[in-house]
Protein backbone atom coordinates (compact mmCIF):
# COMPACT_ATOMS: atom_id res chain seq x y z
CA MET A 1 82.02 121.46 68.09
CA TYR A 2 81.93 118.40 70.35
CA LYS A 3 85.02 116.91 68.66
CA ILE A 4 86.92 120.15 69.24
CA LYS A 5 85.93 120.12 72.91
CA GLN A 6 86.94 116.47 73.16
CA LYS A 7 90.38 117.19 71.66
CA ILE A 8 90.86 120.03 74.13
CA GLY A 9 89.79 117.69 76.92
CA ASN A 10 92.24 115.00 75.77
CA PHE A 11 95.05 117.58 75.67
CA LEU A 12 94.26 118.68 79.24
CA VAL A 13 94.17 115.05 80.38
CA THR A 14 97.59 114.48 78.80
CA LEU A 15 99.02 117.45 80.71
CA LEU A 16 97.44 116.26 83.97
CA VAL A 17 98.77 112.72 83.62
CA PHE A 18 102.22 113.99 82.64
CA ALA A 19 102.40 116.32 85.64
CA TYR A 20 100.94 114.07 88.34
CA PHE A 21 102.28 110.61 87.47
CA ARG A 22 105.84 109.47 87.07
CA LYS A 23 105.05 106.89 84.40
CA VAL A 24 102.15 105.03 82.81
CA VAL A 25 103.09 101.47 81.80
CA PHE A 26 100.84 99.73 79.25
CA LEU A 27 100.83 95.92 79.25
CA ASP A 28 99.04 94.32 76.29
CA LEU A 29 98.06 90.70 76.97
CA SER A 30 95.60 90.61 74.08
CA LYS A 31 97.90 89.46 71.25
CA ASN A 32 97.49 92.91 69.67
CA ASP A 33 93.69 92.94 69.47
CA THR A 34 92.44 96.36 68.41
CA LEU A 35 90.22 98.34 70.76
CA GLY A 36 86.63 97.09 70.47
CA GLN A 37 83.42 99.13 70.23
CA MET A 38 83.01 98.59 73.97
CA ALA A 39 85.67 98.69 76.68
CA VAL A 40 84.85 97.29 80.13
CA LEU A 41 87.10 98.89 82.73
CA SER A 42 88.14 98.00 86.26
CA HIS A 43 87.64 100.86 88.71
CA ARG A 44 90.20 101.56 91.46
CA ASN A 45 91.11 105.18 92.12
CA GLY A 46 88.03 107.29 91.51
CA ALA A 47 87.66 109.46 88.42
CA ILE A 48 91.47 109.39 88.07
CA ASP A 49 91.03 106.00 86.38
CA GLY A 50 89.18 107.71 83.53
CA PHE A 51 92.02 110.19 83.01
CA LEU A 52 94.52 107.36 82.66
CA TYR A 53 92.43 105.12 80.42
CA GLY A 54 91.78 108.17 78.25
CA PHE A 55 95.50 108.96 78.20
CA ILE A 56 96.30 105.54 76.69
CA PHE A 57 93.13 105.33 74.56
CA PRO A 58 91.94 108.85 73.59
CA LYS A 59 89.26 107.20 71.43
CA ILE A 60 87.26 105.99 74.45
CA GLN A 61 84.13 107.93 75.31
CA PHE A 62 83.03 107.12 78.84
CA LEU A 63 79.61 106.40 80.23
CA LEU A 64 79.77 108.51 83.39
CA ALA A 65 77.64 109.55 86.35
CA ARG A 66 75.79 112.80 85.72
CA ASN A 67 76.69 114.11 89.18
CA LEU A 68 80.35 114.34 88.10
CA ARG A 69 79.41 117.21 85.79
CA ARG A 70 77.03 119.13 88.05
CA ASN A 71 79.59 121.79 88.99
CA PHE A 72 81.99 124.05 87.10
CA LEU A 73 85.10 121.92 87.66
CA GLY A 74 83.26 118.76 86.66
CA LYS A 75 82.21 120.26 83.34
CA ILE A 76 85.85 121.07 82.58
CA PHE A 77 87.48 117.81 83.65
CA PHE A 78 84.91 115.12 82.81
CA TRP A 79 83.56 114.30 79.37
CA GLY A 80 81.30 111.53 78.17
CA ILE A 81 77.75 110.24 77.98
CA GLU A 82 75.93 111.13 81.20
CA ILE A 83 73.62 108.80 83.10
CA THR A 84 71.85 109.18 86.44
CA ARG A 85 72.68 106.30 88.75
CA GLU A 86 69.96 105.05 91.07
CA LYS A 87 72.01 105.92 94.15
CA ASP A 88 72.41 109.51 92.89
CA LYS A 89 68.70 110.18 92.33
CA GLU A 90 67.79 110.64 95.99
CA LYS A 91 70.75 112.93 96.59
CA ALA A 92 69.87 115.02 93.52
CA LEU A 93 66.24 115.37 94.63
CA LYS A 94 67.34 116.58 98.08
CA GLN A 95 69.46 119.23 96.40
CA GLY A 96 66.46 120.38 94.38
CA LEU A 97 67.91 119.21 91.07
CA LYS A 98 65.59 118.13 88.27
CA ILE A 99 65.74 114.56 86.97
CA LYS A 100 64.12 113.70 83.67
CA GLU A 101 62.82 110.17 83.44
CA ASN A 102 63.96 109.76 79.83
CA ASP A 103 67.53 110.98 80.44
CA ASN A 104 68.99 107.49 80.73
CA PHE A 105 67.04 106.31 77.69
CA SER A 106 68.57 109.17 75.71
CA ALA A 107 72.02 108.20 77.03
CA LEU A 108 71.46 104.61 75.92
CA LYS A 109 70.69 105.76 72.37
CA GLN A 110 73.90 107.82 72.38
CA CYS A 111 75.87 104.74 73.47
CA LEU A 112 74.52 102.60 70.64
CA LYS A 113 75.01 105.38 68.09
CA LEU A 114 78.62 105.83 69.20
CA MET A 115 79.44 102.13 68.84
CA GLN A 116 77.62 101.80 65.51
CA LYS A 117 79.78 104.62 64.12
CA GLY A 118 82.97 102.81 65.14
CA GLY A 119 83.67 104.65 68.38
CA THR A 120 84.51 102.99 71.69
CA LEU A 121 82.19 103.18 74.68
CA GLY A 122 83.97 102.89 78.04
CA ILE A 123 81.94 101.35 80.89
CA PHE A 124 82.90 100.79 84.54
CA PRO A 125 80.80 97.72 85.49
CA GLU A 126 81.60 98.14 89.21
CA GLY A 127 79.80 101.49 89.14
CA THR A 128 82.15 103.02 91.68
CA SER A 129 85.76 102.54 92.77
CA ALA A 130 87.62 101.12 95.76
CA LEU A 131 91.25 100.36 96.58
CA LYS A 132 90.26 97.17 98.36
CA PRO A 133 91.65 93.60 98.23
CA LYS A 134 88.75 92.44 96.05
CA HIS A 135 86.92 94.04 93.17
CA LEU A 136 83.36 95.26 93.71
CA LYS A 137 80.31 93.48 92.32
CA PHE A 138 79.93 93.87 88.56
CA ALA A 139 76.57 95.35 87.50
CA ASN A 140 74.86 94.08 84.35
CA GLY A 141 74.62 97.44 82.54
CA ALA A 142 77.43 96.56 80.11
CA SER A 143 75.81 93.26 79.16
CA LYS A 144 72.45 94.98 78.56
CA ILE A 145 74.02 97.52 76.21
CA ALA A 146 76.00 94.74 74.50
CA TYR A 147 72.77 92.77 74.00
CA LEU A 148 71.07 95.74 72.34
CA MET A 149 74.09 96.34 70.13
CA LEU A 150 74.15 92.70 69.00
CA GLN A 151 70.55 92.90 67.80
CA LYS A 152 71.82 94.77 64.73
CA ASN A 153 75.64 94.71 64.75
CA ALA A 154 78.66 92.55 65.53
CA LEU A 155 80.51 93.56 68.68
CA GLU A 156 83.98 93.34 70.20
CA ILE A 157 84.45 94.02 73.92
CA THR A 158 87.89 94.93 75.28
CA PRO A 159 88.61 94.31 78.99
CA LEU A 160 91.00 96.76 80.68
CA SER A 161 92.32 96.84 84.24
CA ILE A 162 94.41 99.38 86.15
CA PHE A 163 96.90 99.20 89.02
CA TYR A 164 98.73 101.90 91.02
CA ASP A 165 101.93 101.37 92.97
CA ASP A 166 101.11 104.40 95.17
CA PRO A 167 97.54 105.54 94.39
CA THR A 168 97.23 108.46 96.80
CA ARG A 169 100.49 110.29 96.05
CA MET A 170 101.98 112.33 93.25
CA GLY A 171 104.86 110.75 91.34
CA SER A 172 103.53 107.19 91.31
CA LYS A 173 103.55 104.63 88.50
CA VAL A 174 100.42 103.29 86.86
CA PHE A 175 100.01 99.96 85.09
CA ILE A 176 97.19 99.51 82.56
CA VAL A 177 96.50 95.96 81.36
CA LYS A 178 94.60 95.06 78.19
CA GLY A 179 93.06 91.60 77.92
CA GLU A 180 91.85 89.59 74.92
CA ASN A 181 88.73 90.85 73.15
CA LEU A 182 85.39 89.15 73.46
CA LYS A 183 84.12 88.82 69.87
CA TYR A 184 80.46 88.29 68.96
CA HIS A 185 78.88 88.11 65.51
CA CYS A 186 75.33 87.20 66.49
CA LEU A 187 72.85 87.80 69.28
CA GLN A 188 73.73 86.28 72.66
CA ASP A 189 71.80 85.76 75.89
CA LYS A 190 72.18 88.67 78.35
CA GLU A 191 73.18 86.40 81.24
CA PHE A 192 75.80 84.73 79.05
CA LEU A 193 77.21 88.12 78.05
CA HIS A 194 77.33 89.22 81.69
CA THR A 195 79.19 86.04 82.71
CA GLN A 196 81.65 86.45 79.83
CA ILE A 197 82.39 90.08 80.77
CA ILE A 198 83.00 89.10 84.40
CA MET A 199 85.38 86.31 83.37
CA ALA A 200 87.27 88.59 80.95
CA LEU A 201 87.81 91.20 83.67
CA GLU A 202 88.73 88.67 86.36
CA ASN A 203 91.40 87.26 84.03
CA ILE A 204 93.27 90.58 84.24
CA LEU A 205 92.37 91.48 87.83
CA ILE A 206 94.00 90.34 91.07
CA GLU A 207 92.24 89.63 94.35
CA PHE A 208 93.66 89.11 97.82
CA LYS A 209 92.29 87.45 100.94
CA ASN A 210 92.54 90.60 103.03
CA GLU A 211 94.24 94.00 103.28
CA LYS A 212 97.30 92.53 105.00
CA GLU A 213 97.99 90.15 102.13
CA GLN A 214 97.33 92.96 99.65
CA GLU A 215 99.86 95.21 101.40
CA ILE A 216 102.57 92.50 101.44
CA CYS A 217 102.05 91.55 97.80
CA GLU A 218 102.09 95.17 96.66
CA LYS A 219 105.41 95.73 98.45
CA ILE A 220 106.93 92.70 96.73
CA ALA A 221 105.59 94.00 93.41
CA ILE A 222 107.24 97.39 94.01
CA PHE A 223 110.58 95.69 94.67
CA ALA A 224 110.14 93.63 91.49
CA SER A 225 109.32 96.69 89.38
CA LEU A 226 112.56 98.36 90.49
CA TYR A 227 114.35 95.62 88.52
CA GLN A 228 111.94 95.33 85.61
CA GLU A 229 108.68 97.27 85.21
CA ASP A 230 106.63 94.53 83.60
CA LEU A 231 107.30 92.30 86.62
CA TYR A 232 104.94 94.43 88.74
CA LEU A 233 101.78 92.63 87.59
CA LYS A 234 103.51 89.24 87.61
CA ALA A 235 104.65 89.88 91.18
CA LEU A 236 101.11 90.69 92.31
CA LYS A 237 99.92 87.38 90.90
CA ASN A 238 102.79 85.29 92.27
CA SER A 239 103.98 87.08 95.39
CA LYS A 240 101.80 84.98 97.69
CA ILE A 241 104.78 82.62 97.80
CA ALA A 242 105.50 82.08 101.49
CA LYS A 243 109.25 82.19 100.89
CA LEU A 244 109.09 85.76 99.51
CA GLN A 245 106.76 86.94 102.25
CA GLU A 246 109.09 85.64 104.96
CA LYS A 247 112.12 87.32 103.38
CA LEU A 248 110.22 90.61 103.04
CA LYS A 249 109.13 90.42 106.69
CA SER A 250 112.73 89.78 107.78
CA TYR A 251 113.99 92.73 105.72
CA GLU A 252 111.29 95.06 107.06
CA THR A 253 112.27 94.19 110.63
CA LYS A 254 115.90 95.07 109.93
CA SER A 255 115.01 98.27 108.03
CA SER A 256 112.30 99.57 110.37
CA ARG A 257 114.20 102.82 111.02
CA ALA A 258 115.20 103.46 107.39
CA PHE A 259 113.61 106.00 105.03
CA LEU A 260 110.71 104.57 103.02
CA TYR A 261 109.81 104.92 99.37
CA LYS A 262 106.29 103.61 98.76
CA ASN A 263 106.52 101.81 102.10
CA CYS A 264 109.80 100.14 101.11
CA ALA A 265 113.35 100.88 102.26
CA ILE A 266 115.26 101.14 98.96
CA PHE A 267 118.91 101.69 98.04
CA PRO A 268 120.59 102.94 94.84
CA LYS A 269 121.98 100.43 92.35
CA SER A 270 124.84 102.88 91.80
CA PHE A 271 125.47 105.61 94.37
CA LEU A 272 127.17 107.95 91.88
CA LEU A 273 124.50 107.50 89.23
CA SER A 274 121.70 108.12 91.75
CA LEU A 275 123.52 111.17 93.07
CA TRP A 276 123.82 112.54 89.52
CA VAL A 277 120.11 111.96 88.77
CA PHE A 278 119.11 113.44 92.13
CA LEU A 279 121.14 116.62 91.59
CA ILE A 280 119.82 117.12 88.04
CA THR A 281 116.18 116.62 89.07
CA ALA A 282 116.66 118.74 92.23
CA MET A 283 117.60 121.74 90.07
CA ILE A 284 114.15 121.51 88.45
CA VAL A 285 111.91 120.06 91.17
CA ILE A 286 112.90 122.30 94.10
CA PRO A 287 112.40 125.61 92.22
CA THR A 288 109.13 124.23 90.83
CA PHE A 289 107.75 123.49 94.28
CA LEU A 290 108.89 126.82 95.70
CA PHE A 291 107.45 128.78 92.76
CA ASN A 292 104.17 126.84 92.95
CA LEU A 293 103.81 126.91 96.73
CA PRO A 294 100.12 128.04 96.57
CA VAL A 295 99.37 125.06 94.30
CA MET A 296 101.09 122.57 96.62
CA ILE A 297 99.45 123.97 99.77
CA SER A 298 95.97 123.92 98.24
CA SER A 299 96.39 120.30 97.10
CA PHE A 300 97.60 119.24 100.54
CA VAL A 301 94.79 121.01 102.40
CA VAL A 302 91.94 119.92 100.12
CA ALA A 303 93.11 116.28 100.17
CA LYS A 304 92.40 116.26 103.91
CA PHE A 305 88.69 116.63 103.11
CA SER A 306 88.62 113.35 101.18
CA LYS A 307 86.57 110.81 103.11
CA GLU A 308 87.78 107.84 101.08
CA LYS A 309 91.27 106.69 100.15
CA HIS A 310 90.32 106.30 96.49
CA THR A 311 89.39 109.99 96.11
CA ILE A 312 92.54 111.54 97.62
CA SER A 313 94.37 111.91 94.30
CA LEU A 314 91.26 113.31 92.64
CA TYR A 315 90.95 116.00 95.31
CA LYS A 316 94.64 116.85 94.94
CA ILE A 317 94.40 117.14 91.16
CA LEU A 318 91.19 119.20 91.09
CA ALA A 319 92.41 121.63 93.75
CA GLY A 320 95.96 121.86 92.45
CA THR A 321 94.93 122.34 88.83
CA SER A 322 92.38 125.03 89.71
CA VAL A 323 94.88 127.07 91.73
CA PHE A 324 97.57 126.45 89.10
CA VAL A 325 95.39 127.89 86.32
CA VAL A 326 94.29 130.92 88.36
CA PHE A 327 97.85 131.58 89.52
CA TYR A 328 99.31 131.56 86.00
CA MET A 329 96.42 133.54 84.50
CA ILE A 330 97.04 136.32 87.03
CA LEU A 331 100.79 136.13 86.40
CA ALA A 332 100.21 136.30 82.63
CA LEU A 333 98.37 139.63 83.00
CA PHE A 334 101.59 141.27 84.22
CA PHE A 335 104.42 139.03 82.97
CA PRO A 336 103.17 136.90 80.05
CA LEU A 337 106.58 135.52 79.05
CA ILE A 338 107.45 134.54 82.64
CA ALA A 339 104.03 132.91 83.00
CA PHE A 340 104.50 130.87 79.81
CA LEU A 341 108.02 129.71 80.64
CA GLY A 342 107.12 129.14 84.30
CA CYS A 343 104.17 126.98 83.30
CA ILE A 344 106.27 124.72 81.05
CA PHE A 345 109.09 124.54 83.61
CA SER A 346 106.61 123.67 86.38
CA LEU A 347 104.89 120.88 84.45
CA TRP A 348 108.28 119.30 83.86
CA GLY A 349 109.23 119.77 87.51
CA PHE A 350 106.04 118.08 88.73
CA HIS A 351 106.69 115.17 86.35
CA LEU A 352 110.23 114.69 87.69
CA TYR A 353 109.13 114.71 91.32
CA GLY A 354 108.76 110.90 91.45
CA THR A 355 112.31 110.39 90.18
CA PHE A 356 113.64 113.05 92.55
CA LYS A 357 111.90 111.41 95.51
CA LYS A 358 113.05 107.88 94.63
CA HIS A 359 116.72 108.77 94.28
CA GLY A 360 116.65 111.14 97.26
CA ILE A 361 115.31 108.45 99.60
CA SER A 362 117.66 105.77 98.27
CA LEU A 363 120.65 108.09 98.78
CA LEU A 364 119.60 108.88 102.36
CA ASN A 365 119.42 105.17 103.10
CA ALA A 366 122.82 104.61 101.49
CA ILE A 367 124.34 107.33 103.69
CA PHE A 368 122.66 106.54 107.04
CA PHE A 369 121.81 102.82 106.77
CA ASN A 370 124.46 101.45 104.43
CA LYS A 371 124.73 98.20 106.42
CA LEU A 372 121.29 97.24 105.11
CA LYS A 373 122.35 97.50 101.45
CA GLN A 374 123.44 93.86 101.31
CA ASP A 375 120.08 92.68 102.71
CA TYR A 376 118.26 94.90 100.20
CA ASP A 377 120.23 93.50 97.25
CA PHE A 378 119.70 89.95 98.46
CA LEU A 379 115.92 90.45 98.77
CA GLY A 380 115.73 92.06 95.33
CA GLU A 381 117.65 89.21 93.72
CA GLU A 382 115.44 86.61 95.43
CA ILE A 383 112.30 88.31 94.16
CA TYR A 384 113.70 88.69 90.65
CA GLU A 385 114.83 85.07 90.48
CA CYS A 386 111.42 83.83 91.65
CA LEU A 387 109.55 85.87 89.05
CA LYS A 388 111.71 86.00 85.94
CA ASN A 389 110.83 82.43 84.99
């Protein structure tokens, strides 16, 4: 029964990712290592990270906070082995919720059983997420579980990291990076394991001095990805080059009044091609948004209640999906065929929104700020030349 529920959950995750994100780019830096019995995962954009890791690796079963599944929506969207975090205990007690002392011990046994059977346990060592310049402190829970596993079995640990070019908005691109496996065939010291896990994650993570540097480097990475998608990560690592930062600053000054796409003033490579793509996507996206107006309004309103930047997309998805399901269930009672076709059409329309938005903004800039096109092309070529080697 659990496997059936998990397959249904994976199918729902696939639909969610398809509808909300423009593209998920997978970058394998591991020399084709297979997924280990444990995956240690960087944490950026709330529970959305789990959706995307699960989209690329449906085999992963996550170790997740019990409070994620305390309500009806949580039980539908989040699946995995539940633990009670220390910081959640006090909150749960105030709410009058019962906490069993042996719950986490039971969860630990489930983790070991899963890995011993050849499954993959997904752990977020940071414990929580943040879209900040630096990663959060890594807890030692993963190393403790790895230590217990190594008492009886060999173990491979796969590090995974995640990056968003526009984490709070629909239609963004996501980049998931897989590092080289840590392979152990005998028992290791817990401190050694913890150090190794930190090093493996930091090899595929990127840190910045402050938010200003992070913002500049992310803009350069967006420009780079417009030329070649796999340059996004390379740009984040190398875009601290003063020459690129100065050229970006100069271009931003000139284009301060232009229309922005992910905080960048972009132009089409080919006006006619962009116009063609825009018109085709407009015929699907505009009717989709009009037909699903209750869904869009609910997502917009609920997102305003998010207190943290890294939970905005989660609020949008939970609210939008809930209203979407209710809306089409009611419609199906009276017009089942229209509900079925409208659902499929709408999912495709949501997926195309990112493309529609990109080409729409680039066309507006080409029409109203065409004098900047030469500066845009020059900046793009400079970035590409700096990174391609």
